[in-house]
Amino acid sequence: MHLTVEQALSVYPLSEGRLIAGSAGRNRVVKSVNVMDAPDITDWIKEGEMLFTTAYLLKDSPDEAGQLLARLNQCGSAGLGIKLGRFWTDVPGEWIEQADRLGFPLIELPFQFTFSDQMNGLFREEIKRSTSALQDVLDKQVRLMRFALHSDPIRKLFDDVADVV
């Protein structure tokens, strides 16, 4: 997957969420998506990985939660999506300020969708983009093969190649 955070936010159902902080990082590249279920997630995070969480692991330790953003940013995480409603009703103001300072995207995920709904939407979009790119390459190959099979004058040949390229 190689979508920017901004592009990912245009994909349904993630489009139902909203970027609440760190808008300077909206061009970070999302290479993968994972669910945060361990307090030591930064030991396992990959560059470009976007994390989703319900904030369950953070609900009782706001101080550690504040450190998490800095560690995720250092690891090259693409951003953090938080599903509000169960364990947090809103994102602490300190988090929003810190995410803005770091340019680290903080996304409020829509409550009505599961994490797998969000991930499936992003994966479908990536498959659609990849398929489209492959189709463009295939179309060019077909046009070049047609060109090679015809014995037109050399000038027409160069015009046809220029059209394809």
Protein backbone atom coordinates (compact mmCIF):
# COMPACT_ATOMS: atom_id res chain seq x y z
CA MET A 1 0.00 0.00 0.00
CA HIS A 2 1.33 3.43 -0.85
CA LEU A 3 -1.35 6.02 -0.14
CA THR A 4 -0.73 9.30 1.62
CA VAL A 5 -2.66 9.91 4.83
CA GLU A 6 -4.68 12.52 2.92
CA GLN A 7 -5.54 10.00 0.18
CA ALA A 8 -6.41 7.38 2.79
CA LEU A 9 -8.82 9.83 4.41
CA SER A 10 -10.72 10.05 1.13
CA VAL A 11 -11.38 6.29 1.08
CA TYR A 12 -14.69 5.04 2.47
CA PRO A 13 -15.26 4.31 5.34
CA LEU A 14 -12.14 6.08 6.64
CA SER A 15 -13.57 9.14 4.88
CA GLU A 16 -16.22 9.19 7.62
CA GLY A 17 -13.47 9.92 10.16
CA ARG A 18 -11.58 13.16 10.49
CA LEU A 19 -8.04 14.40 10.90
CA ILE A 20 -8.06 16.08 14.30
CA ALA A 21 -4.35 16.95 14.59
CA GLY A 22 -1.02 16.72 12.83
CA SER A 23 -2.25 18.02 9.48
CA ALA A 24 1.35 18.86 8.52
CA GLY A 25 1.89 15.09 8.23
CA ARG A 26 -1.00 14.47 5.83
CA ASN A 27 1.50 13.60 3.08
CA ARG A 28 3.06 10.77 5.07
CA VAL A 29 2.89 7.51 3.15
CA VAL A 30 0.74 4.70 4.55
CA LYS A 31 2.44 1.43 3.65
CA SER A 32 0.41 -0.81 5.96
CA VAL A 33 -2.27 -0.72 8.64
CA ASN A 34 -2.23 -2.46 12.00
CA VAL A 35 -4.25 -2.59 15.21
CA MET A 36 -2.56 -1.47 18.40
CA ASP A 37 -3.18 -4.09 21.08
CA ALA A 38 0.09 -4.09 23.01
CA PRO A 39 1.65 -1.40 25.19
CA ASP A 40 5.06 -2.04 23.61
CA ILE A 41 3.78 -1.49 20.06
CA THR A 42 6.71 0.78 19.23
CA ASP A 43 9.03 -2.25 19.49
CA TRP A 44 7.14 -3.76 16.56
CA ILE A 45 6.03 -0.85 14.41
CA LYS A 46 7.25 -0.53 10.84
CA GLU A 47 7.95 2.67 8.97
CA GLY A 48 4.82 3.84 7.17
CA GLU A 49 2.49 1.80 9.34
CA MET A 50 -0.75 3.43 10.41
CA LEU A 51 -2.17 2.19 13.70
CA PHE A 52 -5.78 1.92 14.80
CA THR A 53 -6.76 1.78 18.46
CA THR A 54 -9.75 2.03 20.79
CA ALA A 55 -7.38 3.60 23.36
CA TYR A 56 -8.12 0.75 25.77
CA LEU A 57 -4.44 0.31 26.60
CA LEU A 58 -4.09 4.04 27.17
CA LYS A 59 -7.22 4.80 29.18
CA ASP A 60 -5.63 4.35 32.61
CA SER A 61 -2.20 5.82 31.88
CA PRO A 62 -2.46 9.24 30.23
CA ASP A 63 1.23 10.03 30.89
CA GLU A 64 2.40 6.96 28.96
CA ALA A 65 -0.12 7.79 26.28
CA GLY A 66 1.54 11.16 25.72
CA GLN A 67 4.92 9.49 25.24
CA LEU A 68 3.43 7.09 22.71
CA LEU A 69 2.95 9.79 20.06
CA ALA A 70 6.60 10.81 20.21
CA ARG A 71 7.75 7.18 19.99
CA LEU A 72 5.41 6.45 17.05
CA ASN A 73 6.69 9.54 15.28
CA GLN A 74 10.32 8.47 15.85
CA CYS A 75 9.54 5.02 14.42
CA GLY A 76 8.18 6.60 11.23
CA SER A 77 4.55 5.65 11.81
CA ALA A 78 2.17 7.15 9.24
CA GLY A 79 -0.38 8.11 11.89
CA LEU A 80 -2.73 6.95 14.63
CA GLY A 81 -6.46 6.41 14.27
CA ILE A 82 -8.44 6.44 17.51
CA LYS A 83 -11.94 5.07 17.76
CA LEU A 84 -13.70 7.18 20.36
CA GLY A 85 -16.81 6.22 22.25
CA ARG A 86 -15.88 3.19 24.33
CA PHE A 87 -12.87 4.10 26.41
CA TRP A 88 -12.30 7.75 25.51
CA THR A 89 -15.02 10.23 24.65
CA ASP A 90 -12.49 12.65 23.19
CA VAL A 91 -8.78 12.88 22.55
CA PRO A 92 -6.89 14.72 25.31
CA GLY A 93 -5.90 18.27 24.40
CA GLU A 94 -2.24 17.51 25.16
CA TRP A 95 -2.30 14.82 22.47
CA ILE A 96 -3.73 17.19 19.91
CA GLU A 97 -1.10 19.83 20.73
CA GLN A 98 1.72 17.28 20.61
CA ALA A 99 0.50 15.75 17.33
CA ASP A 100 0.33 19.24 15.80
CA ARG A 101 3.86 20.04 17.02
CA LEU A 102 5.19 16.76 15.57
CA GLY A 103 3.15 16.91 12.37
CA PHE A 104 1.92 13.45 13.37
CA PRO A 105 -1.53 12.65 11.93
CA LEU A 106 -4.12 11.87 14.56
CA ILE A 107 -7.40 10.60 13.15
CA GLU A 108 -10.74 10.24 14.88
CA LEU A 109 -12.15 7.01 13.45
CA PRO A 110 -15.89 6.71 12.86
CA PHE A 111 -17.45 4.69 15.68
CA GLN A 112 -19.94 2.76 13.54
CA PHE A 113 -17.24 0.96 11.51
CA THR A 114 -14.94 -1.84 12.64
CA PHE A 115 -11.21 -1.72 12.16
CA SER A 116 -11.53 -4.43 9.51
CA ASP A 117 -14.06 -2.23 7.63
CA GLN A 118 -11.45 0.55 7.57
CA MET A 119 -8.63 -1.79 6.52
CA ASN A 120 -10.69 -3.49 3.82
CA GLY A 121 -11.61 -0.13 2.34
CA LEU A 122 -7.95 0.89 2.18
CA PHE A 123 -6.85 -2.45 0.72
CA ARG A 124 -9.60 -2.33 -1.93
CA GLU A 125 -8.48 1.17 -2.91
CA GLU A 126 -4.87 0.04 -3.19
CA ILE A 127 -5.88 -2.95 -5.32
CA LYS A 128 -7.93 -0.66 -7.55
CA ARG A 129 -4.98 1.75 -7.96
CA SER A 130 -2.53 -1.08 -8.66
CA THR A 131 -4.87 -2.73 -11.15
CA SER A 132 -5.32 0.56 -12.98
CA ALA A 133 -1.55 1.06 -13.22
CA LEU A 134 -1.09 -2.48 -14.52
CA GLN A 135 -3.87 -1.96 -17.07
CA ASP A 136 -2.11 1.17 -18.35
CA VAL A 137 1.12 -0.80 -18.82
CA LEU A 138 -0.74 -3.62 -20.57
CA ASP A 139 -2.47 -1.16 -22.90
CA LYS A 140 0.91 0.31 -23.87
CA GLN A 141 2.32 -3.16 -24.51
CA VAL A 142 -0.63 -4.06 -26.75
CA ARG A 143 -0.21 -0.84 -28.72
CA LEU A 144 3.53 -1.48 -29.14
CA MET A 145 2.87 -5.06 -30.30
CA ARG A 146 0.35 -3.83 -32.87
CA PHE A 147 2.86 -1.30 -34.02
CA ALA A 148 5.59 -3.93 -34.37
CA LEU A 149 3.30 -6.18 -36.40
CA HIS A 150 2.49 -3.52 -39.02
CA SER A 151 4.89 -2.54 -41.77
CA ASP A 152 4.09 1.18 -41.98
CA PRO A 153 6.64 3.70 -43.25
CA ILE A 154 9.36 4.66 -40.75
CA ARG A 155 7.91 8.15 -40.08
CA LYS A 156 4.56 6.64 -39.07
CA LEU A 157 6.50 4.23 -36.88
CA PHE A 158 8.07 7.05 -34.88
CA ASP A 159 4.77 8.89 -34.62
CA ASP A 160 3.11 5.77 -33.27
CA VAL A 161 5.89 5.17 -30.72
CA ALA A 162 5.66 8.78 -29.59
CA ASP A 163 1.90 8.37 -29.11
CA VAL A 164 2.39 5.27 -26.97
CA VAL A 165 5.14 6.72 -24.84
